[in-house]
Structures are given as C-alpha cells and as structure tokens.
C-alpha cells in the first residue's frame, strides 16, 4: 500500500476545506452584518434569560451519550451479519454469539456501575 492510493482522499479533504472557507468568506464579505445587543442576546423562547447562557452540564449527560453511541454502533454490526448469515454458516453464528455475549457483559457492567441511572 503506497501513499499514492490515499492521494484522492487527501485532495477531497483539501478541496472540501477550501470550498467551506470560500463560502464562509463570501458570505461574510457580501452578506449583511449588523449585530445589535438584541440580536446577540441568547434566545429563551421569548422570555428574558435567567442566569448565564452557558452552563456546565454534569459529566453524567456525556457518559450516557457516549454509552449510547458505543452500543448503537455495535448493534449496527448485526445487519451485515444477518444478510450474510447463510454464507457464514455455523461459524458466523458462533462468532456473533461471542460478540453478543461480550456486548451483553459490557451492558451489564455499565448497568451495575450505575452509569445508566438518570437522576
């Protein structure tokens, strides 16, 4: 595997960054920009904001979000397995059983640690 095989991906990344910068620059140069105190104030459903607009969230929210993403991504592996189950045979069934066992053990561990409790 040589570096030339990754050249199209590099060109695509560079072009997409350039297009994004150009679009943002053009909109900034030619678009209206008249900030007022009312426009830059945080919007709270038509009510006057109480306290600061930026508040610190507990780590619990991030932990639950990360756990959801991890388990959600792992569950995505079931679809290609289900499509190819006949070709994989008993070996594919056993490998997915091991995968499901590991996934279940991880889920039980997180449940017992209290990571899924919402307070």
PDB file of N, CA and C in Angstrom:
ATOM      1  N   UNK A   1       0.859  -1.169   0.000  1.00  0.00           N
ATOM      2  CA  UNK A   1       0.000   0.000   0.000  1.00  0.00           C
ATOM      3  C   UNK A   1       0.909   1.237   0.000  1.00  0.00           C
ATOM      4  N   UNK A   2       0.719   2.070  -0.986  1.00  0.00           N
ATOM      5  CA  UNK A   2       1.557   3.262  -1.087  1.00  0.00           C
ATOM      6  C   UNK A   2       0.750   4.504  -0.764  1.00  0.00           C
ATOM      7  N   UNK A   3       1.479   5.586  -0.654  1.00  0.00           N
ATOM      8  CA  UNK A   3       0.836   6.855  -0.334  1.00  0.00           C
ATOM      9  C   UNK A   3      -0.022   7.360  -1.490  1.00  0.00           C
ATOM     10  N   UNK A   4       0.280   6.921  -2.713  1.00  0.00           N
ATOM     11  CA  UNK A   4      -0.490   7.353  -3.889  1.00  0.00           C
ATOM     12  C   UNK A   4      -1.937   6.880  -3.835  1.00  0.00           C
ATOM     13  N   UNK A   5      -2.186   5.796  -3.128  1.00  0.00           N
ATOM     14  CA  UNK A   5      -3.559   5.302  -3.021  1.00  0.00           C
ATOM     15  C   UNK A   5      -4.434   6.222  -2.188  1.00  0.00           C
ATOM     16  N   UNK A   6      -3.826   7.006  -1.297  1.00  0.00           N
ATOM     17  CA  UNK A   6      -4.574   7.914  -0.441  1.00  0.00           C
ATOM     18  C   UNK A   6      -4.633   9.329  -1.006  1.00  0.00           C
ATOM     19  N   UNK A   7      -3.996   9.572  -2.136  1.00  0.00           N
ATOM     20  CA  UNK A   7      -3.965  10.914  -2.729  1.00  0.00           C
ATOM     21  C   UNK A   7      -5.370  11.437  -3.053  1.00  0.00           C
ATOM     22  N   UNK A   8      -6.270  10.642  -3.646  1.00  0.00           N
ATOM     23  CA  UNK A   8      -7.614  11.179  -3.917  1.00  0.00           C
ATOM     24  C   UNK A   8      -8.356  11.605  -2.645  1.00  0.00           C
ATOM     25  N   UNK A   9      -8.159  10.882  -1.554  1.00  0.00           N
ATOM     26  CA  UNK A   9      -8.807  11.256  -0.295  1.00  0.00           C
ATOM     27  C   UNK A   9      -8.242  12.571   0.211  1.00  0.00           C
ATOM     28  N   UNK A  10      -6.930  12.735   0.122  1.00  0.00           N
ATOM     29  CA  UNK A  10      -6.297  13.987   0.536  1.00  0.00           C
ATOM     30  C   UNK A  10      -6.772  15.166  -0.294  1.00  0.00           C
ATOM     31  N   UNK A  11      -6.881  14.948  -1.613  1.00  0.00           N
ATOM     32  CA  UNK A  11      -7.372  16.013  -2.491  1.00  0.00           C
ATOM     33  C   UNK A  11      -8.811  16.365  -2.130  1.00  0.00           C
ATOM     34  N   UNK A  12      -9.634  15.364  -1.860  1.00  0.00           N
ATOM     35  CA  UNK A  12     -11.019  15.607  -1.482  1.00  0.00           C
ATOM     36  C   UNK A  12     -11.116  16.398  -0.182  1.00  0.00           C
ATOM     37  N   UNK A  13     -10.298  16.062   0.804  1.00  0.00           N
ATOM     38  CA  UNK A  13     -10.317  16.776   2.079  1.00  0.00           C
ATOM     39  C   UNK A  13      -9.888  18.227   1.873  1.00  0.00           C
ATOM     40  N   UNK A  14      -8.817  18.437   1.115  1.00  0.00           N
ATOM     41  CA  UNK A  14      -8.333  19.797   0.866  1.00  0.00           C
ATOM     42  C   UNK A  14      -9.364  20.613   0.101  1.00  0.00           C
ATOM     43  N   UNK A  15      -9.973  20.022  -0.926  1.00  0.00           N
ATOM     44  CA  UNK A  15     -10.996  20.747  -1.694  1.00  0.00           C
ATOM     45  C   UNK A  15     -12.211  21.088  -0.843  1.00  0.00           C
ATOM     46  N   UNK A  16     -12.636  20.172   0.003  1.00  0.00           N
ATOM     47  CA  UNK A  16     -13.815  20.459   0.832  1.00  0.00           C
ATOM     48  C   UNK A  16     -13.517  21.558   1.846  1.00  0.00           C
ATOM     49  N   UNK A  17     -12.309  21.573   2.404  1.00  0.00           N
ATOM     50  CA  UNK A  17     -11.938  22.651   3.330  1.00  0.00           C
ATOM     51  C   UNK A  17     -11.886  23.985   2.593  1.00  0.00           C
ATOM     52  N   UNK A  18     -11.311  23.986   1.386  1.00  0.00           N
ATOM     53  CA  UNK A  18     -11.241  25.223   0.597  1.00  0.00           C
ATOM     54  C   UNK A  18     -12.632  25.744   0.237  1.00  0.00           C
ATOM     55  N   UNK A  19     -13.516  24.858  -0.182  1.00  0.00           N
ATOM     56  CA  UNK A  19     -14.879  25.285  -0.538  1.00  0.00           C
ATOM     57  C   UNK A  19     -15.586  25.855   0.689  1.00  0.00           C
ATOM     58  N   UNK A  20     -15.432  25.212   1.839  1.00  0.00           N
ATOM     59  CA  UNK A  20     -16.063  25.721   3.060  1.00  0.00           C
ATOM     60  C   UNK A  20     -15.518  27.100   3.420  1.00  0.00           C
ATOM     61  N   UNK A  21     -14.213  27.278   3.341  1.00  0.00           N
ATOM     62  CA  UNK A  21     -13.621  28.586   3.648  1.00  0.00           C
ATOM     63  C   UNK A  21     -14.065  29.659   2.665  1.00  0.00           C
ATOM     64  N   UNK A  22     -14.148  29.295   1.402  1.00  0.00           N
ATOM     65  CA  UNK A  22     -14.587  30.264   0.381  1.00  0.00           C
ATOM     66  C   UNK A  22     -16.035  30.681   0.624  1.00  0.00           C
ATOM     67  N   UNK A  23     -16.907  29.728   0.904  1.00  0.00           N
ATOM     68  CA  UNK A  23     -18.320  30.044   1.126  1.00  0.00           C
ATOM     69  C   UNK A  23     -18.485  30.931   2.359  1.00  0.00           C
ATOM     70  N   UNK A  24     -17.791  30.619   3.430  1.00  0.00           N
ATOM     71  CA  UNK A  24     -17.884  31.431   4.648  1.00  0.00           C
ATOM     72  C   UNK A  24     -17.329  32.827   4.402  1.00  0.00           C
ATOM     73  N   UNK A  25     -16.214  32.918   3.679  1.00  0.00           N
ATOM     74  CA  UNK A  25     -15.618  34.228   3.392  1.00  0.00           C
ATOM     75  C   UNK A  25     -16.522  35.083   2.522  1.00  0.00           C
ATOM     76  N   UNK A  26     -17.112  34.502   1.492  1.00  0.00           N
ATOM     77  CA  UNK A  26     -18.002  35.255   0.604  1.00  0.00           C
ATOM     78  C   UNK A  26     -19.234  35.739   1.360  1.00  0.00           C
ATOM     79  N   UNK A  27     -19.814  34.881   2.192  1.00  0.00           N
ATOM     80  CA  UNK A  27     -20.992  35.317   2.945  1.00  0.00           C
ATOM     81  C   UNK A  27     -20.634  36.405   3.952  1.00  0.00           C
ATOM     82  N   UNK A  28     -19.446  36.355   4.493  1.00  0.00           N
ATOM     83  CA  UNK A  28     -19.015  37.387   5.444  1.00  0.00           C
ATOM     84  C   UNK A  28     -18.740  38.710   4.727  1.00  0.00           C
ATOM     85  N   UNK A  29     -18.154  38.639   3.541  1.00  0.00           N
ATOM     86  CA  UNK A  29     -17.831  39.863   2.789  1.00  0.00           C
ATOM     87  C   UNK A  29     -19.075  40.549   2.219  1.00  0.00           C
ATOM     88  N   UNK A  30     -19.964  39.768   1.624  1.00  0.00           N
ATOM     89  CA  UNK A  30     -21.092  40.354   0.900  1.00  0.00           C
ATOM     90  C   UNK A  30     -22.418  40.323   1.652  1.00  0.00           C
ATOM     91  N   UNK A  31     -22.493  39.573   2.729  1.00  0.00           N
ATOM     92  CA  UNK A  31     -23.737  39.480   3.483  1.00  0.00           C
ATOM     93  C   UNK A  31     -23.864  40.597   4.492  1.00  0.00           C
ATOM     94  N   UNK A  32     -25.091  40.868   4.944  1.00  0.00           N
ATOM     95  CA  UNK A  32     -25.280  41.906   5.958  1.00  0.00           C
ATOM     96  C   UNK A  32     -24.740  41.437   7.309  1.00  0.00           C
ATOM     97  N   UNK A  33     -24.084  42.354   7.986  1.00  0.00           N
ATOM     98  CA  UNK A  33     -23.550  42.045   9.309  1.00  0.00           C
ATOM     99  C   UNK A  33     -23.731  43.276  10.183  1.00  0.00           C
ATOM    100  N   UNK A  34     -24.838  43.293  10.892  1.00  0.00           N
ATOM    101  CA  UNK A  34     -25.149  44.415  11.778  1.00  0.00           C
ATOM    102  C   UNK A  34     -25.591  43.868  13.131  1.00  0.00           C
ATOM    103  N   UNK A  35     -24.634  43.455  13.959  1.00  0.00           N
ATOM    104  CA  UNK A  35     -25.030  42.898  15.258  1.00  0.00           C
ATOM    105  C   UNK A  35     -25.529  43.988  16.194  1.00  0.00           C
ATOM    106  N   UNK A  36     -26.575  43.681  16.891  1.00  0.00           N
ATOM    107  CA  UNK A  36     -27.094  44.568  17.930  1.00  0.00           C
ATOM    108  C   UNK A  36     -27.159  43.765  19.221  1.00  0.00           C
ATOM    109  N   UNK A  37     -27.382  44.452  20.307  1.00  0.00           N
ATOM    110  CA  UNK A  37     -27.454  43.729  21.585  1.00  0.00           C
ATOM    111  C   UNK A  37     -28.634  42.767  21.602  1.00  0.00           C
ATOM    112  N   UNK A  38     -29.703  43.129  20.930  1.00  0.00           N
ATOM    113  CA  UNK A  38     -30.862  42.241  20.883  1.00  0.00           C
ATOM    114  C   UNK A  38     -30.596  41.006  20.016  1.00  0.00           C
ATOM    115  N   UNK A  39     -29.832  41.181  18.925  1.00  0.00           N
ATOM    116  CA  UNK A  39     -29.555  40.047  18.048  1.00  0.00           C
ATOM    117  C   UNK A  39     -28.582  39.050  18.670  1.00  0.00           C
ATOM    118  N   UNK A  40     -27.644  39.525  19.446  1.00  0.00           N
ATOM    119  CA  UNK A  40     -26.654  38.615  20.024  1.00  0.00           C
ATOM    120  C   UNK A  40     -27.067  38.086  21.392  1.00  0.00           C
ATOM    121  N   UNK A  41     -28.216  38.500  21.900  1.00  0.00           N
ATOM    122  CA  UNK A  41     -28.703  38.008  23.187  1.00  0.00           C
ATOM    123  C   UNK A  41     -29.172  36.558  23.033  1.00  0.00           C
ATOM    124  N   UNK A  42     -28.988  35.723  24.051  1.00  0.00           N
ATOM    125  CA  UNK A  42     -29.461  34.343  23.950  1.00  0.00           C
ATOM    126  C   UNK A  42     -30.984  34.301  23.901  1.00  0.00           C
ATOM    127  N   UNK A  43     -31.506  33.427  23.066  1.00  0.00           N
ATOM    128  CA  UNK A  43     -32.946  33.299  22.894  1.00  0.00           C
ATOM    129  C   UNK A  43     -33.473  32.235  23.838  1.00  0.00           C
ATOM    130  N   UNK A  44     -34.453  32.592  24.649  1.00  0.00           N
ATOM    131  CA  UNK A  44     -35.030  31.667  25.621  1.00  0.00           C
ATOM    132  C   UNK A  44     -36.541  31.566  25.435  1.00  0.00           C
ATOM    133  N   UNK A  45     -36.984  31.211  24.271  1.00  0.00           N
ATOM    134  CA  UNK A  45     -38.407  31.024  23.978  1.00  0.00           C
ATOM    135  C   UNK A  45     -39.222  32.284  24.248  1.00  0.00           C
ATOM    136  N   UNK A  46     -38.659  33.411  23.941  1.00  0.00           N
ATOM    137  CA  UNK A  46     -39.377  34.666  24.095  1.00  0.00           C
ATOM    138  C   UNK A  46     -39.354  35.234  25.495  1.00  0.00           C
ATOM    139  N   UNK A  47     -38.696  34.567  26.422  1.00  0.00           N
ATOM    140  CA  UNK A  47     -38.635  35.053  27.797  1.00  0.00           C
ATOM    141  C   UNK A  47     -37.248  35.632  28.056  1.00  0.00           C
ATOM    142  N   UNK A  48     -37.170  36.505  29.014  1.00  0.00           N
ATOM    143  CA  UNK A  48     -35.872  37.051  29.381  1.00  0.00           C
ATOM    144  C   UNK A  48     -35.025  35.936  29.998  1.00  0.00           C
ATOM    145  N   UNK A  49     -33.765  35.838  29.562  1.00  0.00           N
ATOM    146  CA  UNK A  49     -32.920  34.768  30.104  1.00  0.00           C
ATOM    147  C   UNK A  49     -32.596  34.984  31.576  1.00  0.00           C
ATOM    148  N   UNK A  50     -32.564  33.876  32.298  1.00  0.00           N
ATOM    149  CA  UNK A  50     -32.228  33.916  33.724  1.00  0.00           C
ATOM    150  C   UNK A  50     -30.868  33.252  33.877  1.00  0.00           C
ATOM    151  N   UNK A  51     -29.907  33.990  34.355  1.00  0.00           N
ATOM    152  CA  UNK A  51     -28.568  33.434  34.547  1.00  0.00           C
ATOM    153  C   UNK A  51     -27.777  33.449  33.257  1.00  0.00           C
ATOM    154  N   UNK A  52     -26.605  32.846  33.271  1.00  0.00           N
ATOM    155  CA  UNK A  52     -25.759  32.845  32.085  1.00  0.00           C
ATOM    156  C   UNK A  52     -26.308  31.905  31.007  1.00  0.00           C
ATOM    157  N   UNK A  53     -25.971  32.198  29.773  1.00  0.00           N
ATOM    158  CA  UNK A  53     -26.450  31.372  28.670  1.00  0.00           C
ATOM    159  C   UNK A  53     -25.691  30.047  28.606  1.00  0.00           C
ATOM    160  N   UNK A  54     -24.456  30.045  29.068  1.00  0.00           N
ATOM    161  CA  UNK A  54     -23.644  28.834  29.040  1.00  0.00           C
ATOM    162  C   UNK A  54     -23.540  28.292  30.464  1.00  0.00           C
ATOM    163  N   UNK A  55     -24.026  27.075  30.640  1.00  0.00           N
ATOM    164  CA  UNK A  55     -23.971  26.428  31.943  1.00  0.00           C
ATOM    165  C   UNK A  55     -23.186  25.136  31.823  1.00  0.00           C
ATOM    166  N   UNK A  56     -22.556  24.759  32.886  1.00  0.00           N
ATOM    167  CA  UNK A  56     -21.819  23.495  32.883  1.00  0.00           C
ATOM    168  C   UNK A  56     -22.802  22.353  33.093  1.00  0.00           C
ATOM    169  N   UNK A  57     -22.694  21.347  32.252  1.00  0.00           N
ATOM    170  CA  UNK A  57     -23.530  20.166  32.386  1.00  0.00           C
ATOM    171  C   UNK A  57     -22.775  19.095  33.147  1.00  0.00           C
ATOM    172  N   UNK A  58     -23.482  18.309  33.911  1.00  0.00           N
ATOM    173  CA  UNK A  58     -22.803  17.221  34.611  1.00  0.00           C
ATOM    174  C   UNK A  58     -22.203  16.214  33.621  1.00  0.00           C
ATOM    175  N   UNK A  59     -21.162  15.545  34.035  1.00  0.00           N
ATOM    176  CA  UNK A  59     -20.494  14.561  33.192  1.00  0.00           C
ATOM    177  C   UNK A  59     -21.441  13.403  32.874  1.00  0.00           C
ATOM    178  N   UNK A  60     -22.451  13.213  33.698  1.00  0.00           N
ATOM    179  CA  UNK A  60     -23.403  12.121  33.511  1.00  0.00           C
ATOM    180  C   UNK A  60     -24.068  12.176  32.124  1.00  0.00           C
ATOM    181  N   UNK A  61     -24.379  13.380  31.647  1.00  0.00           N
ATOM    182  CA  UNK A  61     -25.004  13.521  30.333  1.00  0.00           C
ATOM    183  C   UNK A  61     -24.073  13.013  29.242  1.00  0.00           C
ATOM    184  N   UNK A  62     -22.800  13.382  29.340  1.00  0.00           N
ATOM    185  CA  UNK A  62     -21.834  12.954  28.337  1.00  0.00           C
ATOM    186  C   UNK A  62     -21.601  11.451  28.413  1.00  0.00           C
ATOM    187  N   UNK A  63     -21.563  10.898  29.601  1.00  0.00           N
ATOM    188  CA  UNK A  63     -21.351   9.468  29.777  1.00  0.00           C
ATOM    189  C   UNK A  63     -22.481   8.674  29.136  1.00  0.00           C
ATOM    190  N   UNK A  64     -23.708   9.094  29.359  1.00  0.00           N
ATOM    191  CA  UNK A  64     -24.842   8.387  28.773  1.00  0.00           C
ATOM    192  C   UNK A  64     -24.832   8.528  27.257  1.00  0.00           C
ATOM    193  N   UNK A  65     -24.472   9.704  26.757  1.00  0.00           N
ATOM    194  CA  UNK A  65     -24.397   9.896  25.309  1.00  0.00           C
ATOM    195  C   UNK A  65     -23.332   9.003  24.686  1.00  0.00           C
ATOM    196  N   UNK A  66     -22.168   8.924  25.313  1.00  0.00           N
ATOM    197  CA  UNK A  66     -21.091   8.085  24.786  1.00  0.00           C
ATOM    198  C   UNK A  66     -21.481   6.611  24.844  1.00  0.00           C
ATOM    199  N   UNK A  67     -22.100   6.200  25.938  1.00  0.00           N
ATOM    200  CA  UNK A  67     -22.546   4.803  26.042  1.00  0.00           C
ATOM    201  C   UNK A  67     -23.582   4.483  24.974  1.00  0.00           C
ATOM    202  N   UNK A  68     -24.494   5.404  24.716  1.00  0.00           N
ATOM    203  CA  UNK A  68     -25.493   5.187  23.669  1.00  0.00           C
ATOM    204  C   UNK A  68     -24.816   5.023  22.321  1.00  0.00           C
ATOM    205  N   UNK A  69     -23.856   5.882  22.023  1.00  0.00           N
ATOM    206  CA  UNK A  69     -23.169   5.799  20.730  1.00  0.00           C
ATOM    207  C   UNK A  69     -22.408   4.485  20.608  1.00  0.00           C
ATOM    208  N   UNK A  70     -21.722   4.092  21.670  1.00  0.00           N
ATOM    209  CA  UNK A  70     -20.955   2.838  21.621  1.00  0.00           C
ATOM    210  C   UNK A  70     -21.874   1.653  21.371  1.00  0.00           C
ATOM    211  N   UNK A  71     -22.947   1.533  22.139  1.00  0.00           N
ATOM    212  CA  UNK A  71     -23.845   0.392  21.961  1.00  0.00           C
ATOM    213  C   UNK A  71     -24.603   0.476  20.648  1.00  0.00           C
ATOM    214  N   UNK A  72     -24.920   1.678  20.196  1.00  0.00           N
ATOM    215  CA  UNK A  72     -25.619   1.845  18.930  1.00  0.00           C
ATOM    216  C   UNK A  72     -24.734   1.413  17.769  1.00  0.00           C
ATOM    217  N   UNK A  73     -23.477   1.797  17.795  1.00  0.00           N
ATOM    218  CA  UNK A  73     -22.555   1.409  16.727  1.00  0.00           C
ATOM    219  C   UNK A  73     -22.327  -0.091  16.738  1.00  0.00           C
ATOM    220  N   UNK A  74     -22.259  -0.682  17.912  1.00  0.00           N
ATOM    221  CA  UNK A  74     -22.078  -2.131  17.971  1.00  0.00           C
ATOM    222  C   UNK A  74     -23.287  -2.869  17.421  1.00  0.00           C
ATOM    223  N   UNK A  75     -24.470  -2.351  17.649  1.00  0.00           N
ATOM    224  CA  UNK A  75     -25.683  -3.003  17.141  1.00  0.00           C
ATOM    225  C   UNK A  75     -25.752  -2.915  15.619  1.00  0.00           C
ATOM    226  N   UNK A  76     -25.111  -1.915  15.026  1.00  0.00           N
ATOM    227  CA  UNK A  76     -25.105  -1.776  13.562  1.00  0.00           C
ATOM    228  C   UNK A  76     -24.465  -2.996  12.905  1.00  0.00           C
ATOM    229  N   UNK A  77     -23.565  -3.680  13.593  1.00  0.00           N
ATOM    230  CA  UNK A  77     -22.902  -4.850  13.030  1.00  0.00           C
ATOM    231  C   UNK A  77     -23.855  -6.026  12.836  1.00  0.00           C
ATOM    232  N   UNK A  78     -25.035  -5.979  13.412  1.00  0.00           N
ATOM    233  CA  UNK A  78     -25.987  -7.073  13.246  1.00  0.00           C
ATOM    234  C   UNK A  78     -26.577  -7.136  11.840  1.00  0.00           C
ATOM    235  N   UNK A  79     -26.745  -6.003  11.166  1.00  0.00           N
ATOM    236  CA  UNK A  79     -27.371  -6.013   9.838  1.00  0.00           C
ATOM    237  C   UNK A  79     -26.528  -6.749   8.802  1.00  0.00           C
ATOM    238  N   UNK A  80     -25.251  -6.413   8.610  1.00  0.00           N
ATOM    239  CA  UNK A  80     -24.493  -7.177   7.618  1.00  0.00           C
ATOM    240  C   UNK A  80     -24.353  -8.649   7.996  1.00  0.00           C
ATOM    241  N   UNK A  81     -24.304  -8.927   9.292  1.00  0.00           N
ATOM    242  CA  UNK A  81     -24.242 -10.323   9.717  1.00  0.00           C
ATOM    243  C   UNK A  81     -25.524 -11.052   9.326  1.00  0.00           C
ATOM    244  N   UNK A  82     -26.669 -10.415   9.549  1.00  0.00           N
ATOM    245  CA  UNK A  82     -27.948 -11.053   9.224  1.00  0.00           C
ATOM    246  C   UNK A  82     -28.088 -11.265   7.720  1.00  0.00           C
ATOM    247  N   UNK A  83     -27.558 -10.356   6.926  1.00  0.00           N
ATOM    248  CA  UNK A  83     -27.646 -10.502   5.467  1.00  0.00           C
ATOM    249  C   UNK A  83     -26.786 -11.672   4.997  1.00  0.00           C
ATOM    250  N   UNK A  84     -25.627 -11.857   5.587  1.00  0.00           N
ATOM    251  CA  UNK A  84     -24.681 -12.884   5.151  1.00  0.00           C
ATOM    252  C   UNK A  84     -24.740 -14.160   5.994  1.00  0.00           C
ATOM    253  N   UNK A  85     -25.771 -14.325   6.798  1.00  0.00           N
ATOM    254  CA  UNK A  85     -25.814 -15.456   7.736  1.00  0.00           C
ATOM    255  C   UNK A  85     -25.756 -16.805   7.033  1.00  0.00           C
ATOM    256  N   UNK A  86     -26.448 -16.969   5.913  1.00  0.00           N
ATOM    257  CA  UNK A  86     -26.440 -18.269   5.232  1.00  0.00           C
ATOM    258  C   UNK A  86     -25.061 -18.628   4.691  1.00  0.00           C
ATOM    259  N   UNK A  87     -24.328 -17.623   4.187  1.00  0.00           N
ATOM    260  CA  UNK A  87     -22.989 -17.899   3.673  1.00  0.00           C
ATOM    261  C   UNK A  87     -21.996 -18.156   4.805  1.00  0.00           C
ATOM    262  N   UNK A  88     -22.211 -17.533   5.964  1.00  0.00           N
ATOM    263  CA  UNK A  88     -21.288 -17.696   7.086  1.00  0.00           C
ATOM    264  C   UNK A  88     -21.467 -19.032   7.793  1.00  0.00           C
ATOM    265  N   UNK A  89     -22.685 -19.524   7.780  1.00  0.00           N
ATOM    266  CA  UNK A  89     -22.954 -20.821   8.386  1.00  0.00           C
ATOM    267  C   UNK A  89     -22.844 -20.804   9.896  1.00  0.00           C
ATOM    268  N   UNK A  90     -22.482 -21.960  10.441  1.00  0.00           N
ATOM    269  CA  UNK A  90     -22.416 -22.117  11.890  1.00  0.00           C
ATOM    270  C   UNK A  90     -21.277 -21.290  12.483  1.00  0.00           C
ATOM    271  N   UNK A  91     -20.201 -21.105  11.718  1.00  0.00           N
ATOM    272  CA  UNK A  91     -19.086 -20.300  12.215  1.00  0.00           C
ATOM    273  C   UNK A  91     -19.537 -18.863  12.448  1.00  0.00           C
ATOM    274  N   UNK A  92     -20.286 -18.285  11.508  1.00  0.00           N
ATOM    275  CA  UNK A  92     -20.793 -16.926  11.658  1.00  0.00           C
ATOM    276  C   UNK A  92     -21.736 -16.805  12.838  1.00  0.00           C
ATOM    277  N   UNK A  93     -22.528 -17.836  13.062  1.00  0.00           N
ATOM    278  CA  UNK A  93     -23.450 -17.828  14.202  1.00  0.00           C
ATOM    279  C   UNK A  93     -22.679 -17.852  15.523  1.00  0.00           C
ATOM    280  N   UNK A  94     -21.631 -18.651  15.582  1.00  0.00           N
ATOM    281  CA  UNK A  94     -20.840 -18.725  16.812  1.00  0.00           C
ATOM    282  C   UNK A  94     -20.080 -17.427  17.070  1.00  0.00           C
ATOM    283  N   UNK A  95     -19.522 -16.854  16.024  1.00  0.00           N
ATOM    284  CA  UNK A  95     -18.784 -15.598  16.195  1.00  0.00           C
ATOM    285  C   UNK A  95     -19.723 -14.484  16.650  1.00  0.00           C
ATOM    286  N   UNK A  96     -20.921 -14.420  16.078  1.00  0.00           N
ATOM    287  CA  UNK A  96     -21.874 -13.396  16.506  1.00  0.00           C
ATOM    288  C   UNK A  96     -22.367 -13.678  17.919  1.00  0.00           C
ATOM    289  N   UNK A  97     -22.443 -14.947  18.298  1.00  0.00           N
ATOM    290  CA  UNK A  97     -22.801 -15.273  19.678  1.00  0.00           C
ATOM    291  C   UNK A  97     -21.765 -14.769  20.661  1.00  0.00           C
ATOM    292  N   UNK A  98     -20.483 -14.917  20.300  1.00  0.00           N
ATOM    293  CA  UNK A  98     -19.415 -14.392  21.156  1.00  0.00           C
ATOM    294  C   UNK A  98     -19.503 -12.868  21.221  1.00  0.00           C
ATOM    295  N   UNK A  99     -19.724 -12.236  20.064  1.00  0.00           N
ATOM    296  CA  UNK A  99     -19.851 -10.779  20.020  1.00  0.00           C
ATOM    297  C   UNK A  99     -21.017 -10.312  20.886  1.00  0.00           C
ATOM    298  N   UNK A 100     -22.155 -10.981  20.780  1.00  0.00           N
ATOM    299  CA  UNK A 100     -23.329 -10.620  21.564  1.00  0.00           C
ATOM    300  C   UNK A 100     -23.083 -10.857  23.054  1.00  0.00           C
ATOM    301  N   UNK A 101     -22.349 -11.904  23.388  1.00  0.00           N
ATOM    302  CA  UNK A 101     -22.015 -12.168  24.787  1.00  0.00           C
ATOM    303  C   UNK A 101     -21.152 -11.040  25.357  1.00  0.00           C
ATOM    304  N   UNK A 102     -20.135 -10.615  24.602  1.00  0.00           N
ATOM    305  CA  UNK A 102     -19.271  -9.518  25.052  1.00  0.00           C
ATOM    306  C   UNK A 102     -20.066  -8.230  25.188  1.00  0.00           C
ATOM    307  N   UNK A 103     -20.953  -7.974  24.241  1.00  0.00           N
ATOM    308  CA  UNK A 103     -21.801  -6.789  24.292  1.00  0.00           C
ATOM    309  C   UNK A 103     -22.715  -6.825  25.515  1.00  0.00           C
ATOM    310  N   UNK A 104     -23.272  -7.975  25.808  1.00  0.00           N
ATOM    311  CA  UNK A 104     -24.158  -8.112  26.963  1.00  0.00           C
ATOM    312  C   UNK A 104     -23.386  -7.949  28.273  1.00  0.00           C
ATOM    313  N   UNK A 105     -22.193  -8.510  28.348  1.00  0.00           N
ATOM    314  CA  UNK A 105     -21.375  -8.359  29.554  1.00  0.00           C
ATOM    315  C   UNK A 105     -21.045  -6.885  29.776  1.00  0.00           C
ATOM    316  N   UNK A 106     -20.696  -6.160  28.706  1.00  0.00           N
ATOM    317  CA  UNK A 106     -20.417  -4.726  28.831  1.00  0.00           C
ATOM    318  C   UNK A 106     -21.635  -3.956  29.288  1.00  0.00           C
ATOM    319  N   UNK A 107     -22.791  -4.300  28.754  1.00  0.00           N
ATOM    320  CA  UNK A 107     -24.026  -3.629  29.139  1.00  0.00           C
ATOM    321  C   UNK A 107     -24.352  -3.888  30.613  1.00  0.00           C
ATOM    322  N   UNK A 108     -24.214  -5.129  31.048  1.00  0.00           N
ATOM    323  CA  UNK A 108     -24.484  -5.462  32.461  1.00  0.00           C
ATOM    324  C   UNK A 108     -23.501  -4.747  33.371  1.00  0.00           C
ATOM    325  N   UNK A 109     -22.230  -4.670  32.963  1.00  0.00           N
ATOM    326  CA  UNK A 109     -21.217  -3.970  33.759  1.00  0.00           C
ATOM    327  C   UNK A 109     -21.597  -2.507  33.941  1.00  0.00           C
ATOM    328  N   UNK A 110     -21.980  -1.849  32.851  1.00  0.00           N
ATOM    329  CA  UNK A 110     -22.374  -0.440  32.938  1.00  0.00           C
ATOM    330  C   UNK A 110     -23.636  -0.272  33.782  1.00  0.00           C
ATOM    331  N   UNK A 111     -24.538  -1.208  33.683  1.00  0.00           N
ATOM    332  CA  UNK A 111     -25.778  -1.155  34.460  1.00  0.00           C
ATOM    333  C   UNK A 111     -25.466  -1.299  35.953  1.00  0.00           C
ATOM    334  N   UNK A 112     -24.602  -2.256  36.302  1.00  0.00           N
ATOM    335  CA  UNK A 112     -24.251  -2.472  37.704  1.00  0.00           C
ATOM    336  C   UNK A 112     -23.455  -1.300  38.277  1.00  0.00           C
ATOM    337  N   UNK A 113     -22.648  -0.637  37.451  1.00  0.00           N
ATOM    338  CA  UNK A 113     -21.868   0.518  37.912  1.00  0.00           C
ATOM    339  C   UNK A 113     -22.758   1.739  38.121  1.00  0.00           C
ATOM    340  N   UNK A 114     -23.984   1.697  37.612  1.00  0.00           N
ATOM    341  CA  UNK A 114     -24.908   2.813  37.776  1.00  0.00           C
ATOM    342  C   UNK A 114     -24.762   3.895  36.716  1.00  0.00           C
ATOM    343  N   UNK A 115     -24.087   3.556  35.619  1.00  0.00           N
ATOM    344  CA  UNK A 115     -23.875   4.558  34.567  1.00  0.00           C
ATOM    345  C   UNK A 115     -25.165   4.883  33.826  1.00  0.00           C
ATOM    346  N   UNK A 116     -26.155   4.013  33.907  1.00  0.00           N
ATOM    347  CA  UNK A 116     -27.398   4.238  33.181  1.00  0.00           C
ATOM    348  C   UNK A 116     -28.493   4.855  34.052  1.00  0.00           C
ATOM    349  N   UNK A 117     -28.180   5.137  35.299  1.00  0.00           N
ATOM    350  CA  UNK A 117     -29.158   5.757  36.200  1.00  0.00           C
ATOM    351  C   UNK A 117     -29.316   7.227  35.866  1.00  0.00           C
ATOM    352  N   UNK A 118     -30.524   7.668  35.777  1.00  0.00           N
ATOM    353  CA  UNK A 118     -30.826   9.059  35.456  1.00  0.00           C
ATOM    354  C   UNK A 118     -31.398   9.722  36.700  1.00  0.00           C
ATOM    355  N   UNK A 119     -30.666  10.682  37.255  1.00  0.00           N
ATOM    356  CA  UNK A 119     -31.115  11.333  38.488  1.00  0.00           C
ATOM    357  C   UNK A 119     -31.390  12.795  38.242  1.00  0.00           C
TER     358      UNK A 119
END
